[in-house]
Amino acid sequence: MTKFLITIFLIYLFMRFVFPILLRWGIKAFIKKNIQNGRFTNIDPNAFRPANEPQPEGEVKVNYVPKQPQPNQAKDFPGGEYVDYEEVK
């Protein structure tokens, strides 16, 4: 039982302290390798620019136009017909 608890504790310590360091190192190596190979060259330079830039004075730009509400068709619906039913016991 103590061997099991020690093993679990060591696994916890590894996952808590060593694994994040190894993961960061691996990601850095992966990114450096891909940058050197030219795989990250087509990144859009405007991707991180704020979308709402101030507009020049007197110019209006509408980004969103709400949909016009559909005419309510329930007013035109006559309601159907009444059907008698018998209760089955």
Foldseek 3Di string as FASTA:
>chain_A
DVVVVVVVVVVVCCVVPVVVVVVVVVVVVVVVVCVVVPNPVPDDPCPPPDPDDDDPPPDDDDPDDDDDDDPDCVVVDPDDDDDDDDDDD
